[in-house]
All heavy atoms as atom14 arrays in JSON, in Angstrom:
{
  "sequence": "LFALCEYLVVFSNMAFHMTAFWDFRSKEVTVA",
  "atom14_mask": [
    [1, 1, 1, 1, 1, 1, 1, 1, 0, 0, 0, 0, 0, 0],
    [1, 1, 1, 1, 1, 1, 1, 1, 1, 1, 1, 0, 0, 0],
    [1, 1, 1, 1, 1, 0, 0, 0, 0, 0, 0, 0, 0, 0],
    [1, 1, 1, 1, 1, 1, 1, 1, 0, 0, 0, 0, 0, 0],
    [1, 1, 1, 1, 1, 1, 0, 0, 0, 0, 0, 0, 0, 0],
    [1, 1, 1, 1, 1, 1, 1, 1, 1, 0, 0, 0, 0, 0],
    [1, 1, 1, 1, 1, 1, 1, 1, 1, 1, 1, 1, 0, 0],
    [1, 1, 1, 1, 1, 1, 1, 1, 0, 0, 0, 0, 0, 0],
    [1, 1, 1, 1, 1, 1, 1, 0, 0, 0, 0, 0, 0, 0],
    [1, 1, 1, 1, 1, 1, 1, 0, 0, 0, 0, 0, 0, 0],
    [1, 1, 1, 1, 1, 1, 1, 1, 1, 1, 1, 0, 0, 0],
    [1, 1, 1, 1, 1, 1, 0, 0, 0, 0, 0, 0, 0, 0],
    [1, 1, 1, 1, 1, 1, 1, 1, 0, 0, 0, 0, 0, 0],
    [1, 1, 1, 1, 1, 1, 1, 1, 0, 0, 0, 0, 0, 0],
    [1, 1, 1, 1, 1, 0, 0, 0, 0, 0, 0, 0, 0, 0],
    [1, 1, 1, 1, 1, 1, 1, 1, 1, 1, 1, 0, 0, 0],
    [1, 1, 1, 1, 1, 1, 1, 1, 1, 1, 0, 0, 0, 0],
    [1, 1, 1, 1, 1, 1, 1, 1, 0, 0, 0, 0, 0, 0],
    [1, 1, 1, 1, 1, 1, 1, 0, 0, 0, 0, 0, 0, 0],
    [1, 1, 1, 1, 1, 0, 0, 0, 0, 0, 0, 0, 0, 0],
    [1, 1, 1, 1, 1, 1, 1, 1, 1, 1, 1, 0, 0, 0],
    [1, 1, 1, 1, 1, 1, 1, 1, 1, 1, 1, 1, 1, 1],
    [1, 1, 1, 1, 1, 1, 1, 1, 0, 0, 0, 0, 0, 0],
    [1, 1, 1, 1, 1, 1, 1, 1, 1, 1, 1, 0, 0, 0],
    [1, 1, 1, 1, 1, 1, 1, 1, 1, 1, 1, 0, 0, 0],
    [1, 1, 1, 1, 1, 1, 0, 0, 0, 0, 0, 0, 0, 0],
    [1, 1, 1, 1, 1, 1, 1, 1, 1, 0, 0, 0, 0, 0],
    [1, 1, 1, 1, 1, 1, 1, 1, 1, 0, 0, 0, 0, 0],
    [1, 1, 1, 1, 1, 1, 1, 0, 0, 0, 0, 0, 0, 0],
    [1, 1, 1, 1, 1, 1, 1, 0, 0, 0, 0, 0, 0, 0],
    [1, 1, 1, 1, 1, 1, 1, 0, 0, 0, 0, 0, 0, 0],
    [1, 1, 1, 1, 1, 0, 0, 0, 0, 0, 0, 0, 0, 0]
  ],
  "atom14_positions": [
    [[-16.79, 14.93, -9.47], [-15.83, 14.13, -10.23], [-14.41, 14.33, -9.71], [-13.62, 13.38, -9.65], [-15.9, 14.49, -11.71], [-17.21, 14.13, -12.43], [-17.21, 14.68, -13.85], [-17.4, 12.62, -12.44], [0.0, 0.0, 0.0], [0.0, 0.0, 0.0], [0.0, 0.0, 0.0], [0.0, 0.0, 0.0], [0.0, 0.0, 0.0], [0.0, 0.0, 0.0]],
    [[-14.1, 15.57, -9.32], [-12.78, 15.84, -8.72], [-12.61, 15.04, -7.45], [-11.56, 14.4, -7.23], [-12.63, 17.33, -8.42], [-11.58, 17.62, -7.39], [-10.22, 17.49, -7.7], [-11.93, 18.0, -6.09], [-9.24, 17.73, -6.73], [-10.96, 18.24, -5.13], [-9.62, 18.11, -5.44], [0.0, 0.0, 0.0], [0.0, 0.0, 0.0], [0.0, 0.0, 0.0]],
    [[-13.62, 15.05, -6.58], [-13.54, 14.32, -5.31], [-13.38, 12.82, -5.54], [-12.59, 12.16, -4.86], [-14.79, 14.6, -4.46], [0.0, 0.0, 0.0], [0.0, 0.0, 0.0], [0.0, 0.0, 0.0], [0.0, 0.0, 0.0], [0.0, 0.0, 0.0], [0.0, 0.0, 0.0], [0.0, 0.0, 0.0], [0.0, 0.0, 0.0], [0.0, 0.0, 0.0]],
    [[-14.13, 12.29, -6.52], [-14.02, 10.87, -6.83], [-12.61, 10.51, -7.29], [-12.04, 9.5, -6.86], [-15.04, 10.5, -7.91], [-15.07, 9.03, -8.36], [-15.39, 8.11, -7.19], [-16.07, 8.83, -9.49], [0.0, 0.0, 0.0], [0.0, 0.0, 0.0], [0.0, 0.0, 0.0], [0.0, 0.0, 0.0], [0.0, 0.0, 0.0], [0.0, 0.0, 0.0]],
    [[-12.04, 11.32, -8.17], [-10.67, 11.08, -8.64], [-9.67, 11.22, -7.49], [-8.68, 10.47, -7.44], [-10.32, 12.05, -9.75], [-11.18, 11.73, -11.3], [0.0, 0.0, 0.0], [0.0, 0.0, 0.0], [0.0, 0.0, 0.0], [0.0, 0.0, 0.0], [0.0, 0.0, 0.0], [0.0, 0.0, 0.0], [0.0, 0.0, 0.0], [0.0, 0.0, 0.0]],
    [[-9.93, 12.14, -6.58], [-9.05, 12.31, -5.42], [-9.06, 11.05, -4.56], [-8.01, 10.61, -4.09], [-9.51, 13.52, -4.6], [-8.54, 13.91, -3.5], [-9.05, 15.07, -2.67], [-10.28, 15.2, -2.49], [-8.2, 15.85, -2.18], [0.0, 0.0, 0.0], [0.0, 0.0, 0.0], [0.0, 0.0, 0.0], [0.0, 0.0, 0.0], [0.0, 0.0, 0.0]],
    [[-10.25, 10.45, -4.37], [-10.33, 9.19, -3.63], [-9.48, 8.11, -4.31], [-8.75, 7.37, -3.65], [-11.78, 8.68, -3.55], [-12.77, 9.6, -2.9], [-14.14, 9.4, -3.08], [-12.37, 10.68, -2.12], [-15.07, 10.22, -2.49], [-13.31, 11.52, -1.53], [-14.67, 11.29, -1.73], [-15.59, 12.11, -1.15], [0.0, 0.0, 0.0], [0.0, 0.0, 0.0]],
    [[-9.6, 8.03, -5.64], [-8.88, 7.0, -6.38], [-7.37, 7.21, -6.32], [-6.6, 6.24, -6.28], [-9.35, 6.98, -7.84], [-10.81, 6.56, -8.06], [-11.18, 6.67, -9.53], [-11.06, 5.15, -7.54], [0.0, 0.0, 0.0], [0.0, 0.0, 0.0], [0.0, 0.0, 0.0], [0.0, 0.0, 0.0], [0.0, 0.0, 0.0], [0.0, 0.0, 0.0]],
    [[-6.93, 8.48, -6.28], [-5.5, 8.77, -6.12], [-5.0, 8.2, -4.8], [-3.96, 7.53, -4.74], [-5.25, 10.29, -6.18], [-3.82, 10.62, -5.71], [-5.45, 10.81, -7.6], [0.0, 0.0, 0.0], [0.0, 0.0, 0.0], [0.0, 0.0, 0.0], [0.0, 0.0, 0.0], [0.0, 0.0, 0.0], [0.0, 0.0, 0.0], [0.0, 0.0, 0.0]],
    [[-5.75, 8.46, -3.74], [-5.33, 8.01, -2.41], [-5.41, 6.49, -2.3], [-4.5, 5.85, -1.76], [-6.19, 8.68, -1.32], [-5.89, 8.1, 0.05], [-5.94, 10.18, -1.31], [0.0, 0.0, 0.0], [0.0, 0.0, 0.0], [0.0, 0.0, 0.0], [0.0, 0.0, 0.0], [0.0, 0.0, 0.0], [0.0, 0.0, 0.0], [0.0, 0.0, 0.0]],
    [[-6.49, 5.89, -2.81], [-6.63, 4.43, -2.73], [-5.54, 3.71, -3.53], [-5.02, 2.68, -3.1], [-8.02, 4.0, -3.23], [-9.14, 4.38, -2.3], [-10.39, 4.74, -2.8], [-8.96, 4.39, -0.93], [-11.42, 5.1, -1.95], [-9.99, 4.75, -0.07], [-11.22, 5.1, -0.59], [0.0, 0.0, 0.0], [0.0, 0.0, 0.0], [0.0, 0.0, 0.0]],
    [[-5.21, 4.23, -4.7], [-4.15, 3.6, -5.5], [-2.79, 3.78, -4.85], [-1.92, 2.91, -4.96], [-4.15, 4.16, -6.93], [-3.95, 5.56, -6.94], [0.0, 0.0, 0.0], [0.0, 0.0, 0.0], [0.0, 0.0, 0.0], [0.0, 0.0, 0.0], [0.0, 0.0, 0.0], [0.0, 0.0, 0.0], [0.0, 0.0, 0.0], [0.0, 0.0, 0.0]],
    [[-2.6, 4.9, -4.16], [-1.36, 5.11, -3.4], [-1.24, 4.07, -2.29], [-0.17, 3.48, -2.07], [-1.32, 6.52, -2.83], [-0.11, 6.78, -1.96], [-0.12, 6.47, -0.76], [0.93, 7.35, -2.52], [0.0, 0.0, 0.0], [0.0, 0.0, 0.0], [0.0, 0.0, 0.0], [0.0, 0.0, 0.0], [0.0, 0.0, 0.0], [0.0, 0.0, 0.0]],
    [[-2.34, 3.84, -1.58], [-2.34, 2.83, -0.52], [-2.08, 1.44, -1.1], [-1.32, 0.65, -0.51], [-3.69, 2.83, 0.21], [-3.97, 4.1, 0.99], [-5.61, 4.03, 1.76], [-5.72, 5.65, 2.52], [0.0, 0.0, 0.0], [0.0, 0.0, 0.0], [0.0, 0.0, 0.0], [0.0, 0.0, 0.0], [0.0, 0.0, 0.0], [0.0, 0.0, 0.0]],
    [[-2.7, 1.13, -2.23], [-2.5, -0.17, -2.86], [-1.05, -0.35, -3.29], [-0.5, -1.46, -3.2], [-3.44, -0.32, -4.05], [0.0, 0.0, 0.0], [0.0, 0.0, 0.0], [0.0, 0.0, 0.0], [0.0, 0.0, 0.0], [0.0, 0.0, 0.0], [0.0, 0.0, 0.0], [0.0, 0.0, 0.0], [0.0, 0.0, 0.0], [0.0, 0.0, 0.0]],
    [[-0.42, 0.73, -3.75], [0.98, 0.66, -4.14], [1.84, 0.25, -2.95], [2.73, -0.6, -3.07], [1.44, 2.02, -4.68], [2.8, 2.01, -5.31], [2.96, 1.79, -6.66], [3.94, 2.22, -4.54], [4.21, 1.78, -7.25], [5.2, 2.22, -5.11], [5.34, 1.99, -6.47], [0.0, 0.0, 0.0], [0.0, 0.0, 0.0], [0.0, 0.0, 0.0]],
    [[1.6, 0.86, -1.8], [2.36, 0.5, -0.6], [2.02, -0.92, -0.13], [2.85, -1.58, 0.52], [2.08, 1.5, 0.52], [2.69, 2.85, 0.27], [4.05, 3.07, 0.31], [2.12, 4.05, -0.03], [4.3, 4.35, 0.06], [3.15, 4.96, -0.17], [0.0, 0.0, 0.0], [0.0, 0.0, 0.0], [0.0, 0.0, 0.0], [0.0, 0.0, 0.0]],
    [[0.83, -1.39, -0.46], [0.42, -2.74, -0.07], [1.21, -3.81, -0.81], [1.25, -4.97, -0.38], [-1.08, -2.92, -0.35], [-1.69, -4.17, 0.24], [-2.13, -4.01, 1.97], [-3.71, -3.18, 1.83], [0.0, 0.0, 0.0], [0.0, 0.0, 0.0], [0.0, 0.0, 0.0], [0.0, 0.0, 0.0], [0.0, 0.0, 0.0], [0.0, 0.0, 0.0]],
    [[1.89, -3.46, -1.91], [2.68, -4.46, -2.65], [3.87, -4.97, -1.84], [4.53, -5.92, -2.26], [3.2, -3.88, -3.99], [4.0, -2.71, -3.73], [2.03, -3.5, -4.9], [0.0, 0.0, 0.0], [0.0, 0.0, 0.0], [0.0, 0.0, 0.0], [0.0, 0.0, 0.0], [0.0, 0.0, 0.0], [0.0, 0.0, 0.0], [0.0, 0.0, 0.0]],
    [[4.13, -4.36, -0.69], [5.14, -4.9, 0.22], [4.79, -6.33, 0.63], [5.66, -7.1, 1.05], [5.26, -4.02, 1.46], [0.0, 0.0, 0.0], [0.0, 0.0, 0.0], [0.0, 0.0, 0.0], [0.0, 0.0, 0.0], [0.0, 0.0, 0.0], [0.0, 0.0, 0.0], [0.0, 0.0, 0.0], [0.0, 0.0, 0.0], [0.0, 0.0, 0.0]],
    [[3.53, -6.7, 0.48], [3.09, -8.06, 0.77], [3.87, -9.07, -0.05], [4.23, -10.15, 0.42], [1.59, -8.19, 0.48], [1.01, -9.55, 0.77], [0.56, -9.87, 2.04], [0.94, -10.51, -0.23], [0.03, -11.13, 2.31], [0.42, -11.77, 0.03], [-0.04, -12.08, 1.3], [0.0, 0.0, 0.0], [0.0, 0.0, 0.0], [0.0, 0.0, 0.0]],
    [[4.15, -8.74, -1.32], [4.94, -9.64, -2.18], [6.44, -9.42, -1.99], [7.22, -10.36, -2.08], [4.59, -9.41, -3.66], [3.24, -9.89, -4.04], [2.78, -11.18, -4.01], [2.15, -9.11, -4.51], [1.48, -11.24, -4.45], [1.06, -9.98, -4.77], [1.98, -7.74, -4.77], [-0.16, -9.53, -5.25], [0.76, -7.29, -5.25], [-0.3, -8.18, -5.48]],
    [[6.82, -8.18, -1.71], [8.25, -7.87, -1.62], [8.93, -8.55, -0.44], [10.1, -8.94, -0.53], [8.44, -6.36, -1.5], [7.87, -5.6, -2.68], [7.66, -6.23, -3.74], [7.63, -4.39, -2.54], [0.0, 0.0, 0.0], [0.0, 0.0, 0.0], [0.0, 0.0, 0.0], [0.0, 0.0, 0.0], [0.0, 0.0, 0.0], [0.0, 0.0, 0.0]],
    [[8.2, -8.7, 0.68], [8.82, -9.23, 1.91], [8.0, -10.37, 2.49], [7.84, -10.48, 3.7], [8.95, -8.11, 2.95], [9.72, -6.92, 2.46], [9.07, -5.72, 2.21], [11.08, -6.99, 2.24], [9.77, -4.61, 1.75], [11.79, -5.9, 1.78], [11.14, -4.71, 1.54], [0.0, 0.0, 0.0], [0.0, 0.0, 0.0], [0.0, 0.0, 0.0]],
    [[7.51, -11.23, 1.63], [6.59, -12.28, 2.07], [7.21, -13.22, 3.1], [6.53, -13.68, 4.02], [6.13, -13.09, 0.85], [4.98, -14.02, 1.18], [4.19, -14.39, -0.06], [2.95, -15.04, 0.27], [1.89, -15.07, -0.51], [1.91, -14.43, -1.65], [0.79, -15.69, -0.15], [0.0, 0.0, 0.0], [0.0, 0.0, 0.0], [0.0, 0.0, 0.0]],
    [[8.49, -13.5, 3.0], [9.13, -14.45, 3.91], [9.91, -13.76, 5.02], [10.61, -14.41, 5.79], [10.08, -15.37, 3.13], [11.09, -14.59, 2.5], [0.0, 0.0, 0.0], [0.0, 0.0, 0.0], [0.0, 0.0, 0.0], [0.0, 0.0, 0.0], [0.0, 0.0, 0.0], [0.0, 0.0, 0.0], [0.0, 0.0, 0.0], [0.0, 0.0, 0.0]],
    [[9.8, -12.42, 5.11], [10.57, -11.66, 6.1], [9.74, -11.39, 7.36], [8.52, -11.49, 7.35], [11.06, -10.35, 5.5], [11.88, -10.5, 4.23], [13.18, -11.23, 4.49], [14.11, -11.17, 3.27], [13.55, -11.83, 2.08], [0.0, 0.0, 0.0], [0.0, 0.0, 0.0], [0.0, 0.0, 0.0], [0.0, 0.0, 0.0], [0.0, 0.0, 0.0]],
    [[10.47, -11.02, 8.44], [9.81, -10.72, 9.71], [10.37, -9.44, 10.32], [11.53, -9.09, 10.09], [10.02, -11.86, 10.71], [9.33, -13.16, 10.34], [9.58, -14.25, 11.37], [10.65, -14.2, 12.03], [8.71, -15.12, 11.54], [0.0, 0.0, 0.0], [0.0, 0.0, 0.0], [0.0, 0.0, 0.0], [0.0, 0.0, 0.0], [0.0, 0.0, 0.0]],
    [[9.52, -8.75, 11.07], [9.98, -7.65, 11.91], [10.25, -8.23, 13.29], [9.36, -8.81, 13.92], [8.91, -6.54, 12.01], [9.37, -5.45, 12.98], [8.63, -5.94, 10.65], [0.0, 0.0, 0.0], [0.0, 0.0, 0.0], [0.0, 0.0, 0.0], [0.0, 0.0, 0.0], [0.0, 0.0, 0.0], [0.0, 0.0, 0.0], [0.0, 0.0, 0.0]],
    [[11.5, -8.1, 13.75], [11.9, -8.75, 15.0], [12.5, -7.75, 15.98], [13.3, -6.9, 15.59], [12.95, -9.85, 14.72], [12.39, -10.79, 13.78], [13.32, -10.59, 16.0], [0.0, 0.0, 0.0], [0.0, 0.0, 0.0], [0.0, 0.0, 0.0], [0.0, 0.0, 0.0], [0.0, 0.0, 0.0], [0.0, 0.0, 0.0], [0.0, 0.0, 0.0]],
    [[12.09, -7.86, 17.23], [12.7, -7.1, 18.32], [13.44, -8.11, 19.2], [12.82, -9.03, 19.75], [11.66, -6.34, 19.16], [12.33, -5.6, 20.32], [10.9, -5.36, 18.28], [0.0, 0.0, 0.0], [0.0, 0.0, 0.0], [0.0, 0.0, 0.0], [0.0, 0.0, 0.0], [0.0, 0.0, 0.0], [0.0, 0.0, 0.0], [0.0, 0.0, 0.0]],
    [[14.76, -7.97, 19.31], [15.57, -8.95, 20.04], [16.66, -8.23, 20.82], [16.95, -7.05, 20.61], [16.18, -9.96, 19.08], [0.0, 0.0, 0.0], [0.0, 0.0, 0.0], [0.0, 0.0, 0.0], [0.0, 0.0, 0.0], [0.0, 0.0, 0.0], [0.0, 0.0, 0.0], [0.0, 0.0, 0.0], [0.0, 0.0, 0.0], [0.0, 0.0, 0.0]]
  ]
}
């Protein structure tokens, strides 16, 4: 059960960072 909860901690952390999809939807990374 500890290991399962540990997986969920990491997966939810990744999902939190994935919200950048909405934060910068119209933005680009540019090298110029």
